[in-house]
Amino acid sequence: VALVLIGVQVAVLIAVSGGSPKREAVQDQVRSLLEATTRALIHPHKDQYPIRAQCRLANPKTKQLVPFCQWSAPFCNDSTLPVDYDGPDRDVLIISRVYRNRNSVILAEDLPPNHNALYAGNHRNMIWQEIRCVLAAPIRDSRNPEAAPIGTISFDSSKPLSTVKFDTHEAKKMAEVVASLVFTLLHDL
């Protein structure tokens, strides 16, 4: 049901935007999609879980996943810095691993309480300290699963996986479908 509602929302957003979308309009569309997905993922506990959703696009020149847009409830006081996908933290950062994996893997993992101490690169002490779990998916064309991703979407929370259930088949499928829809929205930029 949640996937159908998200699909309808995206179709309406695309239809309303008409012609060639501007970057700001696409950011608003993706942000709305991330919000709807996040609310569906944690329903009916919407006021109990601090949660955040992000869309990052790959910059092959800098080898970073650069923030495109995000949504959070409540607002997270966090640095939205670019994330290196090929730097010293590439195997620690979940979104870096999702981006580099060519098998369309969706990852949902708990983070250790001291996750900031594990980062060696520019990410040390820059990532939301309270994060306890992450669900991440590569943004790619679902019609061509062999194609390289263009970025990632991710959902994270200060609650563990056992509470937010990001590791369920339904949550992973939702992330996969939403990442494909985000690809469609971003394709014309």
C-alpha atoms as a PDB file:
ATOM      1  CA  VAL A   1       0.000   0.000   0.000  1.00  0.00           C
ATOM      2  CA  ALA A   2       2.804   2.404   0.918  1.00  0.00           C
ATOM      3  CA  LEU A   3       4.562   1.760  -2.412  1.00  0.00           C
ATOM      4  CA  VAL A   4       1.367   2.503  -4.341  1.00  0.00           C
ATOM      5  CA  LEU A   5       0.882   5.787  -2.467  1.00  0.00           C
ATOM      6  CA  ILE A   6       4.471   6.790  -3.122  1.00  0.00           C
ATOM      7  CA  GLY A   7       4.118   5.934  -6.811  1.00  0.00           C
ATOM      8  CA  VAL A   8       0.973   8.043  -7.102  1.00  0.00           C
ATOM      9  CA  GLN A   9       2.682  10.956  -5.379  1.00  0.00           C
ATOM     10  CA  VAL A  10       5.650  10.795  -7.759  1.00  0.00           C
ATOM     11  CA  ALA A  11       3.373  10.558 -10.812  1.00  0.00           C
ATOM     12  CA  VAL A  12       1.499  13.644  -9.642  1.00  0.00           C
ATOM     13  CA  LEU A  13       4.743  15.510  -8.959  1.00  0.00           C
ATOM     14  CA  ILE A  14       6.056  14.690 -12.429  1.00  0.00           C
ATOM     15  CA  ALA A  15       2.778  15.616 -14.126  1.00  0.00           C
ATOM     16  CA  VAL A  16       2.539  18.924 -12.264  1.00  0.00           C
ATOM     17  CA  SER A  17       6.106  19.914 -13.120  1.00  0.00           C
ATOM     18  CA  GLY A  18       5.558  19.519 -16.875  1.00  0.00           C
ATOM     19  CA  GLY A  19       8.424  20.042 -19.377  1.00  0.00           C
ATOM     20  CA  SER A  20      12.073  20.166 -18.485  1.00  0.00           C
ATOM     21  CA  PRO A  21      12.480  20.400 -14.711  1.00  0.00           C
ATOM     22  CA  LYS A  22      14.730  22.899 -12.996  1.00  0.00           C
ATOM     23  CA  ARG A  23      17.119  21.707 -10.318  1.00  0.00           C
ATOM     24  CA  GLU A  24      15.159  23.382  -7.491  1.00  0.00           C
ATOM     25  CA  ALA A  25      11.892  21.805  -8.657  1.00  0.00           C
ATOM     26  CA  VAL A  26      13.500  18.365  -8.792  1.00  0.00           C
ATOM     27  CA  GLN A  27      15.008  18.896  -5.334  1.00  0.00           C
ATOM     28  CA  ASP A  28      11.521  19.681  -4.016  1.00  0.00           C
ATOM     29  CA  GLN A  29      10.098  16.580  -5.713  1.00  0.00           C
ATOM     30  CA  VAL A  30      12.820  14.288  -4.361  1.00  0.00           C
ATOM     31  CA  ARG A  31      12.524  15.833  -0.887  1.00  0.00           C
ATOM     32  CA  SER A  32       8.747  15.198  -0.936  1.00  0.00           C
ATOM     33  CA  LEU A  33       9.331  11.631  -2.038  1.00  0.00           C
ATOM     34  CA  LEU A  34      11.902  11.111   0.732  1.00  0.00           C
ATOM     35  CA  GLU A  35       9.489  12.548   3.295  1.00  0.00           C
ATOM     36  CA  ALA A  36       6.613  10.315   2.153  1.00  0.00           C
ATOM     37  CA  THR A  37       8.870   7.259   2.169  1.00  0.00           C
ATOM     38  CA  THR A  38      10.298   8.056   5.577  1.00  0.00           C
ATOM     39  CA  ARG A  39       6.839   8.521   7.060  1.00  0.00           C
ATOM     40  CA  ALA A  40       5.720   5.208   5.514  1.00  0.00           C
ATOM     41  CA  LEU A  41       8.791   3.407   6.865  1.00  0.00           C
ATOM     42  CA  ILE A  42       8.143   4.441  10.455  1.00  0.00           C
ATOM     43  CA  HIS A  43       4.326   4.499  10.464  1.00  0.00           C
ATOM     44  CA  PRO A  44       2.610   4.550  12.984  1.00  0.00           C
ATOM     45  CA  HIS A  45       5.543   5.739  15.129  1.00  0.00           C
ATOM     46  CA  LYS A  46       6.093   9.052  13.355  1.00  0.00           C
ATOM     47  CA  ASP A  47       6.632  11.121  16.502  1.00  0.00           C
ATOM     48  CA  GLN A  48       8.755   8.576  18.341  1.00  0.00           C
ATOM     49  CA  TYR A  49      11.729   8.095  16.012  1.00  0.00           C
ATOM     50  CA  PRO A  50      14.163  10.845  15.112  1.00  0.00           C
ATOM     51  CA  ILE A  51      14.782  10.027  11.481  1.00  0.00           C
ATOM     52  CA  ARG A  52      16.472  11.492   8.440  1.00  0.00           C
ATOM     53  CA  ALA A  53      16.448  10.831   4.699  1.00  0.00           C
ATOM     54  CA  GLN A  54      19.080  11.994   2.229  1.00  0.00           C
ATOM     55  CA  CYS A  55      19.700  11.959  -1.493  1.00  0.00           C
ATOM     56  CA  ARG A  56      23.318  12.250  -2.617  1.00  0.00           C
ATOM     57  CA  LEU A  57      24.652  12.415  -6.157  1.00  0.00           C
ATOM     58  CA  ALA A  58      28.020  11.115  -7.270  1.00  0.00           C
ATOM     59  CA  ASN A  59      30.698  13.519  -8.406  1.00  0.00           C
ATOM     60  CA  PRO A  60      33.224  11.355 -10.293  1.00  0.00           C
ATOM     61  CA  LYS A  61      35.826  14.158 -10.324  1.00  0.00           C
ATOM     62  CA  THR A  62      36.008  14.436  -6.533  1.00  0.00           C
ATOM     63  CA  LYS A  63      34.917  10.811  -5.896  1.00  0.00           C
ATOM     64  CA  GLN A  64      32.289  12.043  -3.481  1.00  0.00           C
ATOM     65  CA  LEU A  65      28.574  11.634  -2.889  1.00  0.00           C
ATOM     66  CA  VAL A  66      27.405  15.247  -2.751  1.00  0.00           C
ATOM     67  CA  PRO A  67      24.201  16.222  -0.885  1.00  0.00           C
ATOM     68  CA  PHE A  68      21.309  16.943  -3.261  1.00  0.00           C
ATOM     69  CA  CYS A  69      18.500  17.214  -0.715  1.00  0.00           C
ATOM     70  CA  GLN A  70      17.385  15.854   2.640  1.00  0.00           C
ATOM     71  CA  TRP A  71      14.414  15.643   4.983  1.00  0.00           C
ATOM     72  CA  SER A  72      14.378  15.002   8.712  1.00  0.00           C
ATOM     73  CA  ALA A  73      12.027  14.970  11.674  1.00  0.00           C
ATOM     74  CA  PRO A  74      12.866  16.535  13.957  1.00  0.00           C
ATOM     75  CA  PHE A  75      15.502  18.651  12.270  1.00  0.00           C
ATOM     76  CA  CYS A  76      18.940  17.043  12.670  1.00  0.00           C
ATOM     77  CA  ASN A  77      21.796  19.336  13.588  1.00  0.00           C
ATOM     78  CA  ASP A  78      24.277  17.656  11.274  1.00  0.00           C
ATOM     79  CA  SER A  79      26.879  18.664   8.766  1.00  0.00           C
ATOM     80  CA  THR A  80      25.672  17.762   5.294  1.00  0.00           C
ATOM     81  CA  LEU A  81      29.123  17.260   3.957  1.00  0.00           C
ATOM     82  CA  PRO A  82      30.079  15.373   0.824  1.00  0.00           C
ATOM     83  CA  VAL A  83      30.889  11.745   1.570  1.00  0.00           C
ATOM     84  CA  ASP A  84      33.982  10.182  -0.002  1.00  0.00           C
ATOM     85  CA  TYR A  85      33.109   6.978  -1.809  1.00  0.00           C
ATOM     86  CA  ASP A  86      36.715   6.143  -2.576  1.00  0.00           C
ATOM     87  CA  GLY A  87      38.589   7.585   0.406  1.00  0.00           C
ATOM     88  CA  PRO A  88      39.903   6.068   3.636  1.00  0.00           C
ATOM     89  CA  ASP A  89      36.361   5.616   5.041  1.00  0.00           C
ATOM     90  CA  ARG A  90      34.941   3.890   1.970  1.00  0.00           C
ATOM     91  CA  ASP A  91      34.485   0.548   3.726  1.00  0.00           C
ATOM     92  CA  VAL A  92      33.101   2.063   6.931  1.00  0.00           C
ATOM     93  CA  LEU A  93      30.471   4.371   5.439  1.00  0.00           C
ATOM     94  CA  ILE A  94      27.387   2.402   4.427  1.00  0.00           C
ATOM     95  CA  ILE A  95      26.371   4.759   1.630  1.00  0.00           C
ATOM     96  CA  SER A  96      29.881   4.516   0.146  1.00  0.00           C
ATOM     97  CA  ARG A  97      29.642   0.722   0.103  1.00  0.00           C
ATOM     98  CA  VAL A  98      26.167   0.824  -1.466  1.00  0.00           C
ATOM     99  CA  TYR A  99      27.339   3.212  -4.164  1.00  0.00           C
ATOM    100  CA  ARG A 100      30.421   1.158  -5.057  1.00  0.00           C
ATOM    101  CA  ASN A 101      28.613  -2.191  -5.132  1.00  0.00           C
ATOM    102  CA  ARG A 102      27.610  -3.027  -8.704  1.00  0.00           C
ATOM    103  CA  ASN A 103      25.024  -5.647  -7.672  1.00  0.00           C
ATOM    104  CA  SER A 104      22.206  -3.257  -6.658  1.00  0.00           C
ATOM    105  CA  VAL A 105      22.613  -4.238  -3.023  1.00  0.00           C
ATOM    106  CA  ILE A 106      20.330  -2.515  -0.514  1.00  0.00           C
ATOM    107  CA  LEU A 107      21.999  -2.342   2.910  1.00  0.00           C
ATOM    108  CA  ALA A 108      20.405  -1.940   6.331  1.00  0.00           C
ATOM    109  CA  GLU A 109      22.854  -1.951   9.218  1.00  0.00           C
ATOM    110  CA  ASP A 110      23.226  -0.923  12.824  1.00  0.00           C
ATOM    111  CA  LEU A 111      26.120   1.383  13.638  1.00  0.00           C
ATOM    112  CA  PRO A 112      28.182   1.022  16.800  1.00  0.00           C
ATOM    113  CA  PRO A 113      27.723   3.757  19.422  1.00  0.00           C
ATOM    114  CA  ASN A 114      31.284   4.938  18.739  1.00  0.00           C
ATOM    115  CA  HIS A 115      30.902   5.071  14.933  1.00  0.00           C
ATOM    116  CA  ASN A 116      32.512   8.522  14.692  1.00  0.00           C
ATOM    117  CA  ALA A 117      35.724   7.088  16.159  1.00  0.00           C
ATOM    118  CA  LEU A 118      35.891   4.592  13.271  1.00  0.00           C
ATOM    119  CA  TYR A 119      36.238   7.262  10.579  1.00  0.00           C
ATOM    120  CA  ALA A 120      39.778   8.084   9.503  1.00  0.00           C
ATOM    121  CA  GLY A 121      39.104  10.685   6.833  1.00  0.00           C
ATOM    122  CA  ASN A 122      37.205  13.956   6.619  1.00  0.00           C
ATOM    123  CA  HIS A 123      34.142  12.368   8.215  1.00  0.00           C
ATOM    124  CA  ARG A 124      35.535  12.069  11.737  1.00  0.00           C
ATOM    125  CA  ASN A 125      33.263  13.958  14.179  1.00  0.00           C
ATOM    126  CA  MET A 126      31.225  15.371  11.285  1.00  0.00           C
ATOM    127  CA  ILE A 127      28.446  12.772  11.105  1.00  0.00           C
ATOM    128  CA  TRP A 128      25.362  12.875  13.326  1.00  0.00           C
ATOM    129  CA  GLN A 129      26.639  11.259  16.514  1.00  0.00           C
ATOM    130  CA  GLU A 130      23.224   9.807  17.450  1.00  0.00           C
ATOM    131  CA  ILE A 131      22.825   7.700  14.292  1.00  0.00           C
ATOM    132  CA  ARG A 132      22.275   4.053  15.233  1.00  0.00           C
ATOM    133  CA  CYS A 133      21.114   2.535  11.932  1.00  0.00           C
ATOM    134  CA  VAL A 134      21.100   3.205   8.196  1.00  0.00           C
ATOM    135  CA  LEU A 135      19.097   1.921   5.235  1.00  0.00           C
ATOM    136  CA  ALA A 136      20.752   2.807   1.906  1.00  0.00           C
ATOM    137  CA  ALA A 137      20.075   2.118  -1.765  1.00  0.00           C
ATOM    138  CA  PRO A 138      21.893   3.031  -4.978  1.00  0.00           C
ATOM    139  CA  ILE A 139      20.114   5.399  -7.374  1.00  0.00           C
ATOM    140  CA  ARG A 140      20.142   3.671 -10.742  1.00  0.00           C
ATOM    141  CA  ASP A 141      17.985   2.895 -13.740  1.00  0.00           C
ATOM    142  CA  SER A 142      15.880  -0.133 -12.783  1.00  0.00           C
ATOM    143  CA  ARG A 143      15.625  -1.061 -16.475  1.00  0.00           C
ATOM    144  CA  ASN A 144      19.401  -1.488 -16.551  1.00  0.00           C
ATOM    145  CA  PRO A 145      20.579  -2.962 -13.241  1.00  0.00           C
ATOM    146  CA  GLU A 146      24.115  -3.324 -14.621  1.00  0.00           C
ATOM    147  CA  ALA A 147      24.435   0.441 -15.088  1.00  0.00           C
ATOM    148  CA  ALA A 148      26.531   2.375 -12.608  1.00  0.00           C
ATOM    149  CA  PRO A 149      24.552   4.221  -9.949  1.00  0.00           C
ATOM    150  CA  ILE A 150      24.348   8.012 -10.071  1.00  0.00           C
ATOM    151  CA  GLY A 151      24.072   8.415  -6.305  1.00  0.00           C
ATOM    152  CA  THR A 152      22.382   7.046  -3.197  1.00  0.00           C
ATOM    153  CA  ILE A 153      19.347   7.524  -1.037  1.00  0.00           C
ATOM    154  CA  SER A 154      19.561   6.746   2.649  1.00  0.00           C
ATOM    155  CA  PHE A 155      17.393   6.710   5.722  1.00  0.00           C
ATOM    156  CA  ASP A 156      18.881   6.806   9.187  1.00  0.00           C
ATOM    157  CA  SER A 157      17.656   7.004  12.742  1.00  0.00           C
ATOM    158  CA  SER A 158      18.847   7.372  16.299  1.00  0.00           C
ATOM    159  CA  LYS A 159      17.014   4.105  17.039  1.00  0.00           C
ATOM    160  CA  PRO A 160      18.464   0.647  16.246  1.00  0.00           C
ATOM    161  CA  LEU A 161      17.262  -1.624  13.421  1.00  0.00           C
ATOM    162  CA  SER A 162      15.357  -3.737  15.933  1.00  0.00           C
ATOM    163  CA  THR A 163      13.158  -0.686  16.590  1.00  0.00           C
ATOM    164  CA  VAL A 164      12.790   0.974  13.170  1.00  0.00           C
ATOM    165  CA  LYS A 165      12.763  -2.275  11.148  1.00  0.00           C
ATOM    166  CA  PHE A 166      14.827  -0.936   8.211  1.00  0.00           C
ATOM    167  CA  ASP A 167      16.168  -4.464   7.726  1.00  0.00           C
ATOM    168  CA  THR A 168      12.822  -5.972   6.667  1.00  0.00           C
ATOM    169  CA  HIS A 169      12.184  -7.134   3.106  1.00  0.00           C
ATOM    170  CA  GLU A 170       9.421  -4.517   2.767  1.00  0.00           C
ATOM    171  CA  ALA A 171      11.687  -1.638   3.883  1.00  0.00           C
ATOM    172  CA  LYS A 172      14.475  -2.712   1.517  1.00  0.00           C
ATOM    173  CA  LYS A 173      12.016  -3.094  -1.367  1.00  0.00           C
ATOM    174  CA  MET A 174      10.607   0.359  -0.638  1.00  0.00           C
ATOM    175  CA  ALA A 175      14.130   1.835  -0.714  1.00  0.00           C
ATOM    176  CA  GLU A 176      14.842   0.080  -4.011  1.00  0.00           C
ATOM    177  CA  VAL A 177      11.636   1.340  -5.655  1.00  0.00           C
ATOM    178  CA  VAL A 178      12.109   4.879  -4.351  1.00  0.00           C
ATOM    179  CA  ALA A 179      15.729   4.943  -5.565  1.00  0.00           C
ATOM    180  CA  SER A 180      14.467   3.963  -9.030  1.00  0.00           C
ATOM    181  CA  LEU A 181      11.843   6.725  -8.919  1.00  0.00           C
ATOM    182  CA  VAL A 182      14.502   9.217  -7.837  1.00  0.00           C
ATOM    183  CA  PHE A 183      16.589   8.136 -10.841  1.00  0.00           C
ATOM    184  CA  THR A 184      13.620   8.974 -13.084  1.00  0.00           C
ATOM    185  CA  LEU A 185      13.263  12.407 -11.509  1.00  0.00           C
ATOM    186  CA  LEU A 186      16.998  13.147 -11.769  1.00  0.00           C
ATOM    187  CA  HIS A 187      17.488  11.740 -15.258  1.00  0.00           C
ATOM    188  CA  ASP A 188      16.467  14.946 -17.051  1.00  0.00           C
ATOM    189  CA  LEU A 189      18.676  17.315 -15.050  1.00  0.00           C
END
